[in-house]
Amino acid sequence: MTKADTAIAFAEKGWHILPVAPYQKTPFFPIAKNGYKSATTDIEEIEKWFTRAPMLNIGIACAPSNLVVFDIDYRNGGTTEGLNLDTFTVATGDGLHLYYSAPADAKFKGKLREGVDIKHNGYVVGAGSLHESGKFYEVVKDIQPAPMMEWI
Protein backbone atom coordinates (compact mmCIF):
# COMPACT_ATOMS: atom_id res chain seq x y z
CA MET A 1 0.00 0.00 0.00
CA THR A 2 1.39 3.42 -0.94
CA LYS A 3 1.39 6.44 1.37
CA ALA A 4 -1.31 7.93 -0.83
CA ASP A 5 -3.46 4.82 -0.30
CA THR A 6 -2.83 4.91 3.46
CA ALA A 7 -3.60 8.63 3.74
CA ILE A 8 -6.80 8.20 1.71
CA ALA A 9 -7.89 5.26 3.87
CA PHE A 10 -7.48 7.46 6.96
CA ALA A 11 -9.43 10.30 5.30
CA GLU A 12 -12.21 7.84 4.48
CA LYS A 13 -12.50 7.25 8.25
CA GLY A 14 -13.10 10.99 8.61
CA TRP A 15 -9.56 11.70 9.81
CA HIS A 16 -8.12 15.03 8.67
CA ILE A 17 -4.83 14.55 6.82
CA LEU A 18 -1.92 16.91 6.30
CA PRO A 19 1.43 16.51 4.55
CA VAL A 20 4.42 16.22 6.88
CA ALA A 21 8.03 16.75 5.80
CA PRO A 22 9.90 13.54 4.88
CA TYR A 23 11.69 11.85 7.81
CA GLN A 24 10.34 14.57 10.12
CA LYS A 25 7.42 15.49 12.31
CA THR A 26 6.87 19.04 11.02
CA PRO A 27 4.15 20.04 8.54
CA PHE A 28 5.38 20.35 4.98
CA PHE A 29 4.80 24.10 4.80
CA PRO A 30 5.14 24.48 1.00
CA ILE A 31 1.79 22.63 0.84
CA ALA A 32 0.41 22.93 4.40
CA LYS A 33 0.74 26.70 4.62
CA ASN A 34 -1.31 26.83 7.85
CA GLY A 35 0.38 23.86 9.49
CA TYR A 36 -1.98 21.30 10.98
CA LYS A 37 -4.91 23.66 10.30
CA SER A 38 -4.38 22.81 6.60
CA ALA A 39 -5.54 19.24 7.27
CA THR A 40 -8.38 17.96 5.08
CA THR A 41 -10.50 14.94 4.25
CA ASP A 42 -10.60 15.95 0.55
CA ILE A 43 -9.56 12.71 -1.20
CA GLU A 44 -8.50 14.42 -4.45
CA GLU A 45 -6.29 16.90 -2.59
CA ILE A 46 -4.69 14.18 -0.48
CA GLU A 47 -4.09 11.97 -3.52
CA LYS A 48 -2.45 14.91 -5.32
CA TRP A 49 -0.10 15.61 -2.37
CA PHE A 50 1.12 12.06 -1.92
CA THR A 51 1.25 11.16 -5.62
CA ARG A 52 3.38 14.21 -6.45
CA ALA A 53 5.59 13.83 -3.38
CA PRO A 54 5.52 10.17 -2.25
CA MET A 55 8.26 10.73 0.36
CA LEU A 56 5.98 12.96 2.45
CA ASN A 57 4.95 11.66 5.83
CA ILE A 58 1.29 11.48 6.82
CA GLY A 59 -0.05 13.78 9.51
CA ILE A 60 -3.42 13.34 11.24
CA ALA A 61 -4.99 16.42 12.85
CA CYS A 62 -6.49 15.08 16.08
CA ALA A 63 -9.32 17.39 17.22
CA PRO A 64 -10.99 17.84 13.80
CA SER A 65 -10.81 14.04 13.42
CA ASN A 66 -12.51 13.59 16.82
CA LEU A 67 -9.39 11.85 18.08
CA VAL A 68 -7.12 12.07 21.08
CA VAL A 69 -3.83 10.18 20.81
CA PHE A 70 -1.68 9.05 23.70
CA ASP A 71 1.96 9.21 22.63
CA ILE A 72 3.92 6.64 24.63
CA ASP A 73 7.69 7.24 24.41
CA TYR A 74 9.60 4.34 25.93
CA ARG A 75 12.90 6.22 25.86
CA ASN A 76 11.36 8.81 28.20
CA GLY A 77 9.97 6.23 30.61
CA GLY A 78 6.51 5.98 29.09
CA THR A 79 4.31 2.98 29.86
CA THR A 80 0.79 1.87 28.93
CA GLU A 81 -0.10 1.24 32.57
CA GLY A 82 -3.76 2.01 33.24
CA LEU A 83 -4.59 2.73 29.59
CA ASN A 84 -7.18 0.92 27.48
CA LEU A 85 -5.11 -1.06 24.97
CA ASP A 86 -8.15 -2.30 23.05
CA THR A 87 -7.98 0.57 20.55
CA PHE A 88 -6.40 1.58 17.24
CA THR A 89 -2.65 1.39 17.87
CA VAL A 90 0.42 2.46 15.90
CA ALA A 91 4.02 1.50 16.67
CA THR A 92 6.25 4.55 16.31
CA GLY A 93 10.02 4.73 16.06
CA ASP A 94 10.35 4.42 19.86
CA GLY A 95 6.93 3.74 21.34
CA LEU A 96 3.21 3.65 20.59
CA HIS A 97 0.36 5.91 19.60
CA LEU A 98 -2.94 4.84 21.18
CA TYR A 99 -5.91 6.43 19.37
CA TYR A 100 -9.19 7.17 21.19
CA SER A 101 -12.35 8.91 20.05
CA ALA A 102 -13.12 12.24 21.69
CA PRO A 103 -15.20 15.30 20.78
CA ALA A 104 -13.34 18.04 18.90
CA ASP A 105 -14.11 20.52 21.69
CA ALA A 106 -12.82 18.28 24.49
CA LYS A 107 -10.03 19.67 26.67
CA PHE A 108 -7.00 17.64 27.72
CA LYS A 109 -3.78 18.50 29.46
CA GLY A 110 -0.77 17.87 27.25
CA LYS A 111 0.85 15.23 29.42
CA LEU A 112 -0.56 12.30 31.38
CA ARG A 113 2.74 11.48 33.07
CA GLU A 114 6.44 11.23 32.25
CA GLY A 115 6.82 9.65 28.80
CA VAL A 116 3.09 9.84 27.96
CA ASP A 117 1.92 12.90 26.02
CA ILE A 118 -1.72 13.57 25.14
CA LYS A 119 -2.24 14.85 21.59
CA HIS A 120 -5.55 16.54 20.84
CA ASN A 121 -4.88 20.14 19.81
CA GLY A 122 -2.44 19.51 17.03
CA TYR A 123 -1.52 16.41 15.07
CA VAL A 124 0.38 13.13 15.12
CA VAL A 125 2.48 11.46 12.45
CA GLY A 126 0.45 8.56 11.10
CA ALA A 127 1.10 4.98 10.11
CA GLY A 128 2.91 4.56 6.80
CA SER A 129 5.28 7.41 7.64
CA LEU A 130 9.02 7.03 8.05
CA HIS A 131 10.40 7.92 11.48
CA GLU A 132 13.74 9.71 11.73
CA SER A 133 15.13 6.46 13.23
CA GLY A 134 14.54 4.73 9.88
CA LYS A 135 11.57 2.68 11.19
CA PHE A 136 8.12 3.02 9.70
CA TYR A 137 5.12 3.98 11.82
CA GLU A 138 3.09 0.78 11.63
CA VAL A 139 -0.47 -0.13 12.58
CA VAL A 140 -0.30 -2.95 15.14
CA LYS A 141 -3.98 -2.99 16.10
CA ASP A 142 -6.37 -2.05 13.28
CA ILE A 143 -9.67 -1.56 15.08
CA GLN A 144 -11.93 1.43 15.74
CA PRO A 145 -10.53 3.91 18.24
CA ALA A 146 -12.06 3.20 21.65
CA PRO A 147 -13.97 5.96 23.44
CA MET A 148 -11.74 8.15 25.57
CA MET A 149 -11.34 6.82 29.08
CA GLU A 150 -13.57 8.73 31.50
CA TRP A 151 -10.96 9.01 34.23
CA ILE A 152 -8.69 11.24 32.14
C-alpha atoms as a PDB file:
ATOM      1  CA  MET A   1       0.000   0.000   0.000  1.00  0.00           C
ATOM      2  CA  THR A   2       1.386   3.424  -0.943  1.00  0.00           C
ATOM      3  CA  LYS A   3       1.385   6.439   1.366  1.00  0.00           C
ATOM      4  CA  ALA A   4      -1.311   7.933  -0.834  1.00  0.00           C
ATOM      5  CA  ASP A   5      -3.461   4.816  -0.296  1.00  0.00           C
ATOM      6  CA  THR A   6      -2.834   4.906   3.456  1.00  0.00           C
ATOM      7  CA  ALA A   7      -3.601   8.625   3.743  1.00  0.00           C
ATOM      8  CA  ILE A   8      -6.798   8.201   1.713  1.00  0.00           C
ATOM      9  CA  ALA A   9      -7.892   5.260   3.875  1.00  0.00           C
ATOM     10  CA  PHE A  10      -7.482   7.465   6.962  1.00  0.00           C
ATOM     11  CA  ALA A  11      -9.433  10.295   5.297  1.00  0.00           C
ATOM     12  CA  GLU A  12     -12.212   7.837   4.480  1.00  0.00           C
ATOM     13  CA  LYS A  13     -12.496   7.245   8.253  1.00  0.00           C
ATOM     14  CA  GLY A  14     -13.100  10.989   8.608  1.00  0.00           C
ATOM     15  CA  TRP A  15      -9.560  11.702   9.806  1.00  0.00           C
ATOM     16  CA  HIS A  16      -8.118  15.030   8.665  1.00  0.00           C
ATOM     17  CA  ILE A  17      -4.834  14.549   6.819  1.00  0.00           C
ATOM     18  CA  LEU A  18      -1.917  16.909   6.305  1.00  0.00           C
ATOM     19  CA  PRO A  19       1.429  16.508   4.548  1.00  0.00           C
ATOM     20  CA  VAL A  20       4.420  16.219   6.876  1.00  0.00           C
ATOM     21  CA  ALA A  21       8.026  16.752   5.805  1.00  0.00           C
ATOM     22  CA  PRO A  22       9.895  13.542   4.876  1.00  0.00           C
ATOM     23  CA  TYR A  23      11.687  11.845   7.815  1.00  0.00           C
ATOM     24  CA  GLN A  24      10.342  14.570  10.120  1.00  0.00           C
ATOM     25  CA  LYS A  25       7.418  15.494  12.315  1.00  0.00           C
ATOM     26  CA  THR A  26       6.872  19.041  11.024  1.00  0.00           C
ATOM     27  CA  PRO A  27       4.153  20.041   8.541  1.00  0.00           C
ATOM     28  CA  PHE A  28       5.376  20.347   4.982  1.00  0.00           C
ATOM     29  CA  PHE A  29       4.797  24.099   4.800  1.00  0.00           C
ATOM     30  CA  PRO A  30       5.142  24.483   1.002  1.00  0.00           C
ATOM     31  CA  ILE A  31       1.792  22.632   0.844  1.00  0.00           C
ATOM     32  CA  ALA A  32       0.409  22.932   4.398  1.00  0.00           C
ATOM     33  CA  LYS A  33       0.744  26.703   4.624  1.00  0.00           C
ATOM     34  CA  ASN A  34      -1.307  26.828   7.850  1.00  0.00           C
ATOM     35  CA  GLY A  35       0.385  23.857   9.492  1.00  0.00           C
ATOM     36  CA  TYR A  36      -1.984  21.301  10.977  1.00  0.00           C
ATOM     37  CA  LYS A  37      -4.906  23.655  10.295  1.00  0.00           C
ATOM     38  CA  SER A  38      -4.381  22.809   6.603  1.00  0.00           C
ATOM     39  CA  ALA A  39      -5.539  19.242   7.268  1.00  0.00           C
ATOM     40  CA  THR A  40      -8.380  17.964   5.084  1.00  0.00           C
ATOM     41  CA  THR A  41     -10.500  14.941   4.246  1.00  0.00           C
ATOM     42  CA  ASP A  42     -10.604  15.947   0.555  1.00  0.00           C
ATOM     43  CA  ILE A  43      -9.556  12.713  -1.196  1.00  0.00           C
ATOM     44  CA  GLU A  44      -8.505  14.425  -4.447  1.00  0.00           C
ATOM     45  CA  GLU A  45      -6.289  16.900  -2.592  1.00  0.00           C
ATOM     46  CA  ILE A  46      -4.693  14.176  -0.477  1.00  0.00           C
ATOM     47  CA  GLU A  47      -4.091  11.974  -3.516  1.00  0.00           C
ATOM     48  CA  LYS A  48      -2.447  14.906  -5.320  1.00  0.00           C
ATOM     49  CA  TRP A  49      -0.105  15.614  -2.373  1.00  0.00           C
ATOM     50  CA  PHE A  50       1.120  12.062  -1.917  1.00  0.00           C
ATOM     51  CA  THR A  51       1.254  11.163  -5.620  1.00  0.00           C
ATOM     52  CA  ARG A  52       3.378  14.205  -6.454  1.00  0.00           C
ATOM     53  CA  ALA A  53       5.586  13.834  -3.378  1.00  0.00           C
ATOM     54  CA  PRO A  54       5.524  10.168  -2.253  1.00  0.00           C
ATOM     55  CA  MET A  55       8.262  10.733   0.355  1.00  0.00           C
ATOM     56  CA  LEU A  56       5.979  12.957   2.448  1.00  0.00           C
ATOM     57  CA  ASN A  57       4.948  11.663   5.834  1.00  0.00           C
ATOM     58  CA  ILE A  58       1.287  11.485   6.819  1.00  0.00           C
ATOM     59  CA  GLY A  59      -0.053  13.782   9.515  1.00  0.00           C
ATOM     60  CA  ILE A  60      -3.419  13.344  11.243  1.00  0.00           C
ATOM     61  CA  ALA A  61      -4.989  16.416  12.853  1.00  0.00           C
ATOM     62  CA  CYS A  62      -6.488  15.084  16.077  1.00  0.00           C
ATOM     63  CA  ALA A  63      -9.316  17.386  17.221  1.00  0.00           C
ATOM     64  CA  PRO A  64     -10.993  17.844  13.802  1.00  0.00           C
ATOM     65  CA  SER A  65     -10.814  14.045  13.418  1.00  0.00           C
ATOM     66  CA  ASN A  66     -12.506  13.588  16.825  1.00  0.00           C
ATOM     67  CA  LEU A  67      -9.386  11.853  18.083  1.00  0.00           C
ATOM     68  CA  VAL A  68      -7.124  12.071  21.075  1.00  0.00           C
ATOM     69  CA  VAL A  69      -3.832  10.184  20.812  1.00  0.00           C
ATOM     70  CA  PHE A  70      -1.681   9.045  23.698  1.00  0.00           C
ATOM     71  CA  ASP A  71       1.963   9.209  22.628  1.00  0.00           C
ATOM     72  CA  ILE A  72       3.921   6.641  24.627  1.00  0.00           C
ATOM     73  CA  ASP A  73       7.691   7.244  24.413  1.00  0.00           C
ATOM     74  CA  TYR A  74       9.599   4.338  25.932  1.00  0.00           C
ATOM     75  CA  ARG A  75      12.899   6.219  25.855  1.00  0.00           C
ATOM     76  CA  ASN A  76      11.365   8.809  28.205  1.00  0.00           C
ATOM     77  CA  GLY A  77       9.970   6.229  30.613  1.00  0.00           C
ATOM     78  CA  GLY A  78       6.508   5.985  29.086  1.00  0.00           C
ATOM     79  CA  THR A  79       4.307   2.982  29.857  1.00  0.00           C
ATOM     80  CA  THR A  80       0.792   1.872  28.931  1.00  0.00           C
ATOM     81  CA  GLU A  81      -0.102   1.240  32.567  1.00  0.00           C
ATOM     82  CA  GLY A  82      -3.762   2.014  33.242  1.00  0.00           C
ATOM     83  CA  LEU A  83      -4.591   2.731  29.591  1.00  0.00           C
ATOM     84  CA  ASN A  84      -7.180   0.916  27.475  1.00  0.00           C
ATOM     85  CA  LEU A  85      -5.111  -1.060  24.974  1.00  0.00           C
ATOM     86  CA  ASP A  86      -8.147  -2.300  23.049  1.00  0.00           C
ATOM     87  CA  THR A  87      -7.981   0.566  20.551  1.00  0.00           C
ATOM     88  CA  PHE A  88      -6.396   1.578  17.239  1.00  0.00           C
ATOM     89  CA  THR A  89      -2.648   1.390  17.875  1.00  0.00           C
ATOM     90  CA  VAL A  90       0.418   2.456  15.899  1.00  0.00           C
ATOM     91  CA  ALA A  91       4.019   1.495  16.668  1.00  0.00           C
ATOM     92  CA  THR A  92       6.250   4.552  16.309  1.00  0.00           C
ATOM     93  CA  GLY A  93      10.024   4.726  16.064  1.00  0.00           C
ATOM     94  CA  ASP A  94      10.346   4.417  19.856  1.00  0.00           C
ATOM     95  CA  GLY A  95       6.926   3.741  21.345  1.00  0.00           C
ATOM     96  CA  LEU A  96       3.213   3.653  20.594  1.00  0.00           C
ATOM     97  CA  HIS A  97       0.362   5.907  19.599  1.00  0.00           C
ATOM     98  CA  LEU A  98      -2.943   4.844  21.176  1.00  0.00           C
ATOM     99  CA  TYR A  99      -5.913   6.427  19.373  1.00  0.00           C
ATOM    100  CA  TYR A 100      -9.187   7.174  21.191  1.00  0.00           C
ATOM    101  CA  SER A 101     -12.351   8.915  20.053  1.00  0.00           C
ATOM    102  CA  ALA A 102     -13.118  12.244  21.694  1.00  0.00           C
ATOM    103  CA  PRO A 103     -15.200  15.301  20.780  1.00  0.00           C
ATOM    104  CA  ALA A 104     -13.345  18.042  18.898  1.00  0.00           C
ATOM    105  CA  ASP A 105     -14.105  20.519  21.694  1.00  0.00           C
ATOM    106  CA  ALA A 106     -12.820  18.283  24.494  1.00  0.00           C
ATOM    107  CA  LYS A 107     -10.027  19.666  26.666  1.00  0.00           C
ATOM    108  CA  PHE A 108      -7.000  17.635  27.719  1.00  0.00           C
ATOM    109  CA  LYS A 109      -3.783  18.502  29.461  1.00  0.00           C
ATOM    110  CA  GLY A 110      -0.772  17.875  27.249  1.00  0.00           C
ATOM    111  CA  LYS A 111       0.852  15.229  29.421  1.00  0.00           C
ATOM    112  CA  LEU A 112      -0.558  12.304  31.384  1.00  0.00           C
ATOM    113  CA  ARG A 113       2.743  11.482  33.074  1.00  0.00           C
ATOM    114  CA  GLU A 114       6.442  11.226  32.247  1.00  0.00           C
ATOM    115  CA  GLY A 115       6.818   9.649  28.799  1.00  0.00           C
ATOM    116  CA  VAL A 116       3.088   9.839  27.962  1.00  0.00           C
ATOM    117  CA  ASP A 117       1.916  12.900  26.024  1.00  0.00           C
ATOM    118  CA  ILE A 118      -1.717  13.573  25.140  1.00  0.00           C
ATOM    119  CA  LYS A 119      -2.237  14.850  21.588  1.00  0.00           C
ATOM    120  CA  HIS A 120      -5.547  16.537  20.837  1.00  0.00           C
ATOM    121  CA  ASN A 121      -4.882  20.136  19.812  1.00  0.00           C
ATOM    122  CA  GLY A 122      -2.439  19.505  17.027  1.00  0.00           C
ATOM    123  CA  TYR A 123      -1.518  16.412  15.070  1.00  0.00           C
ATOM    124  CA  VAL A 124       0.382  13.134  15.118  1.00  0.00           C
ATOM    125  CA  VAL A 125       2.483  11.460  12.445  1.00  0.00           C
ATOM    126  CA  GLY A 126       0.450   8.557  11.099  1.00  0.00           C
ATOM    127  CA  ALA A 127       1.098   4.976  10.109  1.00  0.00           C
ATOM    128  CA  GLY A 128       2.913   4.557   6.797  1.00  0.00           C
ATOM    129  CA  SER A 129       5.281   7.407   7.644  1.00  0.00           C
ATOM    130  CA  LEU A 130       9.024   7.032   8.047  1.00  0.00           C
ATOM    131  CA  HIS A 131      10.404   7.919  11.480  1.00  0.00           C
ATOM    132  CA  GLU A 132      13.744   9.709  11.730  1.00  0.00           C
ATOM    133  CA  SER A 133      15.132   6.456  13.227  1.00  0.00           C
ATOM    134  CA  GLY A 134      14.544   4.729   9.877  1.00  0.00           C
ATOM    135  CA  LYS A 135      11.571   2.684  11.185  1.00  0.00           C
ATOM    136  CA  PHE A 136       8.117   3.022   9.703  1.00  0.00           C
ATOM    137  CA  TYR A 137       5.119   3.983  11.818  1.00  0.00           C
ATOM    138  CA  GLU A 138       3.091   0.778  11.631  1.00  0.00           C
ATOM    139  CA  VAL A 139      -0.475  -0.132  12.583  1.00  0.00           C
ATOM    140  CA  VAL A 140      -0.300  -2.948  15.135  1.00  0.00           C
ATOM    141  CA  LYS A 141      -3.979  -2.994  16.099  1.00  0.00           C
ATOM    142  CA  ASP A 142      -6.369  -2.054  13.281  1.00  0.00           C
ATOM    143  CA  ILE A 143      -9.675  -1.555  15.081  1.00  0.00           C
ATOM    144  CA  GLN A 144     -11.931   1.428  15.737  1.00  0.00           C
ATOM    145  CA  PRO A 145     -10.529   3.914  18.243  1.00  0.00           C
ATOM    146  CA  ALA A 146     -12.061   3.198  21.647  1.00  0.00           C
ATOM    147  CA  PRO A 147     -13.970   5.961  23.438  1.00  0.00           C
ATOM    148  CA  MET A 148     -11.739   8.153  25.567  1.00  0.00           C
ATOM    149  CA  MET A 149     -11.341   6.815  29.081  1.00  0.00           C
ATOM    150  CA  GLU A 150     -13.573   8.734  31.503  1.00  0.00           C
ATOM    151  CA  TRP A 151     -10.960   9.013  34.229  1.00  0.00           C
ATOM    152  CA  ILE A 152      -8.685  11.236  32.137  1.00  0.00           C
END
